[in-house]
C-alpha cells in the first residue's frame, strides 16, 4: 500500500474525528465560555461539521480508487478470476464507502443537532 495514501487517509480520519468530537461534545458551552454569542457558535458548528464531512471524503476517495485500480489490474493479469475479484472489490468498496458515509453523517449531525 502506498504510504502517502495511507498517511493522508489516516490524517483525514483523525481530523474528522477531532472536528466531530469538538462539534458534538461542546455545544455552545465552549463558545459561551469564550464570550462568543450564538451566531458565532452556530458558524463554528457549521465549519466543524463541514470539515469533518469533507475530510472523511478525502480519506475514503483514495481508498476506493485504490481498490478499483488494483481490481482492474488483477483482472487484466488473470481474466479467469474476474468474477471473484469483482465480487471482492465490490465488498471492499462498500465497506470503505460505508465508513466514509458514517463519518459524513456524524459531521452533519454535529451541525444540525449540536
N, C-alpha and C. Protein backbone atom coordinates (compact mmCIF):
# COMPACT_ATOMS: atom_id res chain seq x y z
N UNK A 1 0.85 -1.18 0.00
CA UNK A 1 0.00 0.00 0.00
C UNK A 1 0.89 1.24 0.00
N UNK A 2 0.48 2.20 -0.75
CA UNK A 2 1.24 3.44 -0.84
C UNK A 2 1.19 4.15 0.52
N UNK A 3 2.36 4.45 1.07
CA UNK A 3 2.42 5.05 2.40
C UNK A 3 1.82 6.45 2.41
N UNK A 4 1.94 7.16 1.30
CA UNK A 4 1.41 8.52 1.23
C UNK A 4 -0.12 8.51 1.30
N UNK A 5 -0.75 7.59 0.56
CA UNK A 5 -2.21 7.48 0.57
C UNK A 5 -2.69 7.09 1.96
N UNK A 6 -1.99 6.16 2.59
CA UNK A 6 -2.36 5.73 3.93
C UNK A 6 -2.23 6.89 4.92
N UNK A 7 -1.15 7.65 4.80
CA UNK A 7 -0.93 8.78 5.72
C UNK A 7 -2.01 9.84 5.54
N UNK A 8 -2.37 10.15 4.29
CA UNK A 8 -3.43 11.13 4.06
C UNK A 8 -4.76 10.64 4.60
N UNK A 9 -5.07 9.36 4.37
CA UNK A 9 -6.33 8.82 4.87
C UNK A 9 -6.40 8.81 6.39
N UNK A 10 -5.29 8.44 7.02
CA UNK A 10 -5.26 8.42 8.48
C UNK A 10 -5.37 9.83 9.05
N UNK A 11 -4.68 10.79 8.44
CA UNK A 11 -4.76 12.17 8.91
C UNK A 11 -6.17 12.72 8.73
N UNK A 12 -6.80 12.42 7.59
CA UNK A 12 -8.15 12.91 7.35
C UNK A 12 -9.13 12.30 8.34
N UNK A 13 -8.99 11.02 8.63
CA UNK A 13 -9.89 10.38 9.59
C UNK A 13 -9.69 10.97 10.99
N UNK A 14 -8.43 11.19 11.37
CA UNK A 14 -8.16 11.75 12.69
C UNK A 14 -8.71 13.16 12.82
N UNK A 15 -8.49 13.98 11.81
CA UNK A 15 -9.01 15.34 11.86
C UNK A 15 -10.54 15.36 11.83
N UNK A 16 -11.13 14.43 11.08
CA UNK A 16 -12.59 14.35 11.06
C UNK A 16 -13.15 13.97 12.41
N UNK A 17 -12.50 13.03 13.09
CA UNK A 17 -12.96 12.63 14.42
C UNK A 17 -12.79 13.77 15.41
N UNK A 18 -11.67 14.48 15.33
CA UNK A 18 -11.44 15.61 16.24
C UNK A 18 -12.47 16.70 16.00
N UNK A 19 -12.73 17.03 14.73
CA UNK A 19 -13.70 18.07 14.42
C UNK A 19 -15.10 17.66 14.86
N UNK A 20 -15.47 16.40 14.61
CA UNK A 20 -16.80 15.94 15.01
C UNK A 20 -16.93 15.91 16.52
N UNK A 21 -15.86 15.47 17.22
CA UNK A 21 -15.91 15.43 18.68
C UNK A 21 -16.04 16.84 19.25
N UNK A 22 -15.33 17.79 18.65
CA UNK A 22 -15.43 19.17 19.10
C UNK A 22 -16.83 19.71 18.90
N UNK A 23 -17.40 19.43 17.73
CA UNK A 23 -18.74 19.93 17.44
C UNK A 23 -19.78 19.26 18.31
N UNK A 24 -19.70 17.94 18.45
CA UNK A 24 -20.73 17.22 19.21
C UNK A 24 -20.53 17.36 20.72
N UNK A 25 -19.30 17.48 21.18
CA UNK A 25 -19.05 17.47 22.61
C UNK A 25 -19.26 18.81 23.29
N UNK A 26 -18.99 19.90 22.63
CA UNK A 26 -19.01 21.19 23.30
C UNK A 26 -20.36 21.89 23.25
N UNK A 27 -21.06 21.77 22.16
CA UNK A 27 -22.30 22.54 22.02
C UNK A 27 -21.98 24.02 22.04
N UNK A 28 -22.75 24.82 22.74
CA UNK A 28 -22.48 26.25 22.84
C UNK A 28 -21.72 26.60 24.12
N UNK A 29 -21.44 25.63 24.97
CA UNK A 29 -20.78 25.92 26.24
C UNK A 29 -19.37 26.47 26.03
N UNK A 30 -18.63 25.89 25.10
CA UNK A 30 -17.28 26.37 24.84
C UNK A 30 -17.27 27.77 24.28
N UNK A 31 -18.20 28.07 23.38
CA UNK A 31 -18.27 29.40 22.79
C UNK A 31 -18.75 30.41 23.83
N UNK A 32 -19.68 30.00 24.68
CA UNK A 32 -20.17 30.92 25.71
C UNK A 32 -19.08 31.24 26.72
N UNK A 33 -18.25 30.26 27.04
CA UNK A 33 -17.16 30.50 27.99
C UNK A 33 -16.14 31.49 27.43
N UNK A 34 -16.01 31.50 26.10
CA UNK A 34 -15.08 32.44 25.48
C UNK A 34 -15.72 33.79 25.18
N UNK A 35 -17.00 33.94 25.48
CA UNK A 35 -17.67 35.21 25.27
C UNK A 35 -18.28 35.39 23.90
N UNK A 36 -18.40 34.31 23.12
CA UNK A 36 -18.99 34.42 21.80
C UNK A 36 -20.50 34.32 21.90
N UNK A 37 -21.19 34.99 21.00
CA UNK A 37 -22.65 34.91 21.00
C UNK A 37 -23.09 33.68 20.21
N UNK A 38 -24.40 33.49 20.11
CA UNK A 38 -24.95 32.30 19.47
C UNK A 38 -24.65 32.19 18.00
N UNK A 39 -24.57 33.32 17.29
CA UNK A 39 -24.32 33.28 15.85
C UNK A 39 -22.92 32.77 15.54
N UNK A 40 -21.95 33.19 16.31
CA UNK A 40 -20.58 32.73 16.08
C UNK A 40 -20.47 31.25 16.44
N UNK A 41 -21.15 30.84 17.49
CA UNK A 41 -21.13 29.43 17.87
C UNK A 41 -21.78 28.59 16.78
N UNK A 42 -22.86 29.06 16.18
CA UNK A 42 -23.51 28.33 15.10
C UNK A 42 -22.60 28.24 13.88
N UNK A 43 -21.90 29.32 13.60
CA UNK A 43 -20.96 29.31 12.47
C UNK A 43 -19.83 28.33 12.74
N UNK A 44 -19.37 28.27 13.98
CA UNK A 44 -18.31 27.32 14.33
C UNK A 44 -18.77 25.88 14.18
N UNK A 45 -20.03 25.60 14.53
CA UNK A 45 -20.57 24.25 14.36
C UNK A 45 -20.65 23.90 12.89
N UNK A 46 -21.06 24.86 12.07
CA UNK A 46 -21.17 24.59 10.63
C UNK A 46 -19.79 24.34 10.02
N UNK A 47 -18.81 25.12 10.42
CA UNK A 47 -17.46 24.92 9.90
C UNK A 47 -16.91 23.57 10.35
N UNK A 48 -17.09 23.24 11.63
CA UNK A 48 -16.60 21.95 12.14
C UNK A 48 -17.26 20.77 11.47
N UNK A 49 -18.57 20.84 11.26
CA UNK A 49 -19.28 19.75 10.58
C UNK A 49 -18.85 19.62 9.13
N UNK A 50 -18.66 20.76 8.47
CA UNK A 50 -18.20 20.73 7.09
C UNK A 50 -16.79 20.16 6.97
N UNK A 51 -15.92 20.53 7.90
CA UNK A 51 -14.56 19.98 7.90
C UNK A 51 -14.58 18.47 8.15
N UNK A 52 -15.40 18.04 9.09
CA UNK A 52 -15.48 16.60 9.38
C UNK A 52 -15.96 15.83 8.17
N UNK A 53 -17.00 16.33 7.51
CA UNK A 53 -17.54 15.64 6.33
C UNK A 53 -16.55 15.66 5.18
N UNK A 54 -15.95 16.82 4.93
CA UNK A 54 -15.01 16.94 3.82
C UNK A 54 -13.76 16.10 4.00
N UNK A 55 -13.22 16.09 5.21
CA UNK A 55 -12.01 15.30 5.45
C UNK A 55 -12.30 13.80 5.40
N UNK A 56 -13.50 13.41 5.77
CA UNK A 56 -13.86 11.99 5.67
C UNK A 56 -13.90 11.55 4.21
N UNK A 57 -14.43 12.41 3.36
CA UNK A 57 -14.48 12.08 1.93
C UNK A 57 -13.07 12.05 1.34
N UNK A 58 -12.21 12.95 1.79
CA UNK A 58 -10.82 12.94 1.32
C UNK A 58 -10.10 11.66 1.72
N UNK A 59 -10.49 11.07 2.82
CA UNK A 59 -9.88 9.81 3.23
C UNK A 59 -10.45 8.61 2.48
N UNK A 60 -11.75 8.62 2.19
CA UNK A 60 -12.38 7.49 1.54
C UNK A 60 -12.17 7.43 0.03
N UNK A 61 -12.03 8.59 -0.59
CA UNK A 61 -11.87 8.65 -2.05
C UNK A 61 -10.64 7.89 -2.55
N UNK A 62 -9.47 8.18 -2.01
CA UNK A 62 -8.29 7.42 -2.47
C UNK A 62 -8.39 5.93 -2.16
N UNK A 63 -9.07 5.57 -1.09
CA UNK A 63 -9.23 4.16 -0.76
C UNK A 63 -10.04 3.42 -1.80
N UNK A 64 -11.14 4.00 -2.21
CA UNK A 64 -11.98 3.37 -3.23
C UNK A 64 -11.26 3.34 -4.57
N UNK A 65 -10.54 4.42 -4.88
CA UNK A 65 -9.78 4.45 -6.13
C UNK A 65 -8.71 3.37 -6.17
N UNK A 66 -8.06 3.17 -5.06
CA UNK A 66 -7.01 2.13 -5.00
C UNK A 66 -7.61 0.74 -5.12
N UNK A 67 -8.74 0.51 -4.49
CA UNK A 67 -9.39 -0.80 -4.59
C UNK A 67 -9.80 -1.08 -6.04
N UNK A 68 -10.41 -0.09 -6.68
CA UNK A 68 -10.84 -0.27 -8.06
C UNK A 68 -9.68 -0.47 -9.01
N UNK A 69 -8.63 0.34 -8.87
CA UNK A 69 -7.46 0.20 -9.75
C UNK A 69 -6.77 -1.14 -9.59
N UNK A 70 -6.63 -1.58 -8.35
CA UNK A 70 -5.98 -2.87 -8.11
C UNK A 70 -6.82 -4.02 -8.64
N UNK A 71 -8.13 -3.89 -8.53
CA UNK A 71 -9.00 -4.96 -9.04
C UNK A 71 -8.93 -5.05 -10.55
N UNK A 72 -8.91 -3.92 -11.24
CA UNK A 72 -8.82 -3.94 -12.70
C UNK A 72 -7.47 -4.53 -13.12
N UNK A 73 -6.41 -4.17 -12.42
CA UNK A 73 -5.09 -4.72 -12.73
C UNK A 73 -5.07 -6.24 -12.50
N UNK A 74 -5.69 -6.69 -11.42
CA UNK A 74 -5.74 -8.12 -11.15
C UNK A 74 -6.56 -8.86 -12.20
N UNK A 75 -7.65 -8.26 -12.66
CA UNK A 75 -8.47 -8.88 -13.70
C UNK A 75 -7.72 -8.96 -15.03
N UNK A 76 -6.88 -7.96 -15.30
CA UNK A 76 -6.10 -7.98 -16.53
C UNK A 76 -5.04 -9.09 -16.48
N UNK A 77 -4.51 -9.36 -15.30
CA UNK A 77 -3.49 -10.41 -15.17
C UNK A 77 -4.10 -11.81 -15.19
N UNK A 78 -5.27 -11.96 -14.57
CA UNK A 78 -5.92 -13.27 -14.51
C UNK A 78 -7.40 -13.11 -14.88
N UNK A 79 -7.69 -13.09 -16.18
CA UNK A 79 -9.09 -12.89 -16.61
C UNK A 79 -10.05 -13.98 -16.12
N UNK A 80 -9.55 -15.17 -15.87
CA UNK A 80 -10.44 -16.25 -15.43
C UNK A 80 -10.95 -16.04 -14.02
N UNK A 81 -10.31 -15.17 -13.25
CA UNK A 81 -10.73 -14.88 -11.86
C UNK A 81 -11.52 -13.57 -11.77
N UNK A 82 -11.95 -13.03 -12.90
CA UNK A 82 -12.60 -11.72 -12.91
C UNK A 82 -13.85 -11.68 -12.04
N UNK A 83 -14.64 -12.73 -12.03
CA UNK A 83 -15.87 -12.73 -11.24
C UNK A 83 -15.59 -12.66 -9.74
N UNK A 84 -14.65 -13.46 -9.29
CA UNK A 84 -14.29 -13.47 -7.87
C UNK A 84 -13.64 -12.16 -7.45
N UNK A 85 -12.76 -11.65 -8.31
CA UNK A 85 -12.09 -10.39 -7.99
C UNK A 85 -13.11 -9.25 -7.95
N UNK A 86 -14.04 -9.24 -8.89
CA UNK A 86 -15.07 -8.19 -8.92
C UNK A 86 -15.95 -8.21 -7.69
N UNK A 87 -16.30 -9.41 -7.25
CA UNK A 87 -17.12 -9.52 -6.05
C UNK A 87 -16.38 -9.00 -4.82
N UNK A 88 -15.14 -9.40 -4.67
CA UNK A 88 -14.35 -8.93 -3.53
C UNK A 88 -14.11 -7.43 -3.60
N UNK A 89 -13.94 -6.90 -4.81
CA UNK A 89 -13.75 -5.46 -4.97
C UNK A 89 -15.00 -4.70 -4.52
N UNK A 90 -16.16 -5.18 -4.89
CA UNK A 90 -17.40 -4.51 -4.51
C UNK A 90 -17.62 -4.55 -3.00
N UNK A 91 -17.27 -5.66 -2.38
CA UNK A 91 -17.42 -5.75 -0.92
C UNK A 91 -16.47 -4.77 -0.22
N UNK A 92 -15.23 -4.72 -0.67
CA UNK A 92 -14.26 -3.79 -0.07
C UNK A 92 -14.67 -2.34 -0.30
N UNK A 93 -15.12 -2.03 -1.50
CA UNK A 93 -15.55 -0.65 -1.80
C UNK A 93 -16.77 -0.27 -0.97
N UNK A 94 -17.68 -1.21 -0.75
CA UNK A 94 -18.85 -0.92 0.06
C UNK A 94 -18.47 -0.66 1.52
N UNK A 95 -17.51 -1.41 2.03
CA UNK A 95 -17.06 -1.17 3.41
C UNK A 95 -16.39 0.19 3.55
N UNK A 96 -15.56 0.56 2.59
CA UNK A 96 -14.92 1.87 2.63
C UNK A 96 -15.96 2.97 2.51
N UNK A 97 -16.90 2.80 1.59
CA UNK A 97 -17.94 3.81 1.40
C UNK A 97 -18.83 3.92 2.63
N UNK A 98 -19.11 2.80 3.28
CA UNK A 98 -19.92 2.83 4.50
C UNK A 98 -19.26 3.60 5.62
N UNK A 99 -17.97 3.38 5.80
CA UNK A 99 -17.24 4.12 6.84
C UNK A 99 -17.19 5.60 6.51
N UNK A 100 -16.99 5.94 5.25
CA UNK A 100 -16.96 7.34 4.82
C UNK A 100 -18.32 7.99 5.02
N UNK A 101 -19.38 7.30 4.63
CA UNK A 101 -20.72 7.85 4.80
C UNK A 101 -21.05 8.04 6.27
N UNK A 102 -20.64 7.11 7.12
CA UNK A 102 -20.86 7.25 8.55
C UNK A 102 -20.18 8.50 9.09
N UNK A 103 -18.94 8.76 8.66
CA UNK A 103 -18.22 9.95 9.12
C UNK A 103 -18.89 11.22 8.62
N UNK A 104 -19.40 11.21 7.40
CA UNK A 104 -20.12 12.39 6.87
C UNK A 104 -21.39 12.63 7.67
N UNK A 105 -22.12 11.58 7.98
CA UNK A 105 -23.36 11.72 8.76
C UNK A 105 -23.06 12.26 10.15
N UNK A 106 -21.99 11.77 10.78
CA UNK A 106 -21.62 12.28 12.10
C UNK A 106 -21.29 13.77 12.03
N UNK A 107 -20.59 14.18 10.97
CA UNK A 107 -20.28 15.60 10.80
C UNK A 107 -21.53 16.45 10.64
N UNK A 108 -22.48 15.97 9.86
CA UNK A 108 -23.72 16.71 9.66
C UNK A 108 -24.60 16.70 10.90
N UNK A 109 -24.57 15.62 11.66
CA UNK A 109 -25.32 15.58 12.91
C UNK A 109 -24.81 16.64 13.88
N UNK A 110 -23.51 16.86 13.87
CA UNK A 110 -22.94 17.91 14.71
C UNK A 110 -23.45 19.28 14.33
N UNK A 111 -23.70 19.50 13.06
CA UNK A 111 -24.22 20.79 12.61
C UNK A 111 -25.68 20.94 13.00
N UNK A 112 -26.49 19.93 12.72
CA UNK A 112 -27.92 20.08 12.87
C UNK A 112 -28.45 19.77 14.27
N UNK A 113 -27.75 18.93 15.03
CA UNK A 113 -28.23 18.56 16.35
C UNK A 113 -27.38 19.11 17.49
N UNK A 114 -26.22 19.68 17.15
CA UNK A 114 -25.29 20.15 18.18
C UNK A 114 -25.74 21.40 18.88
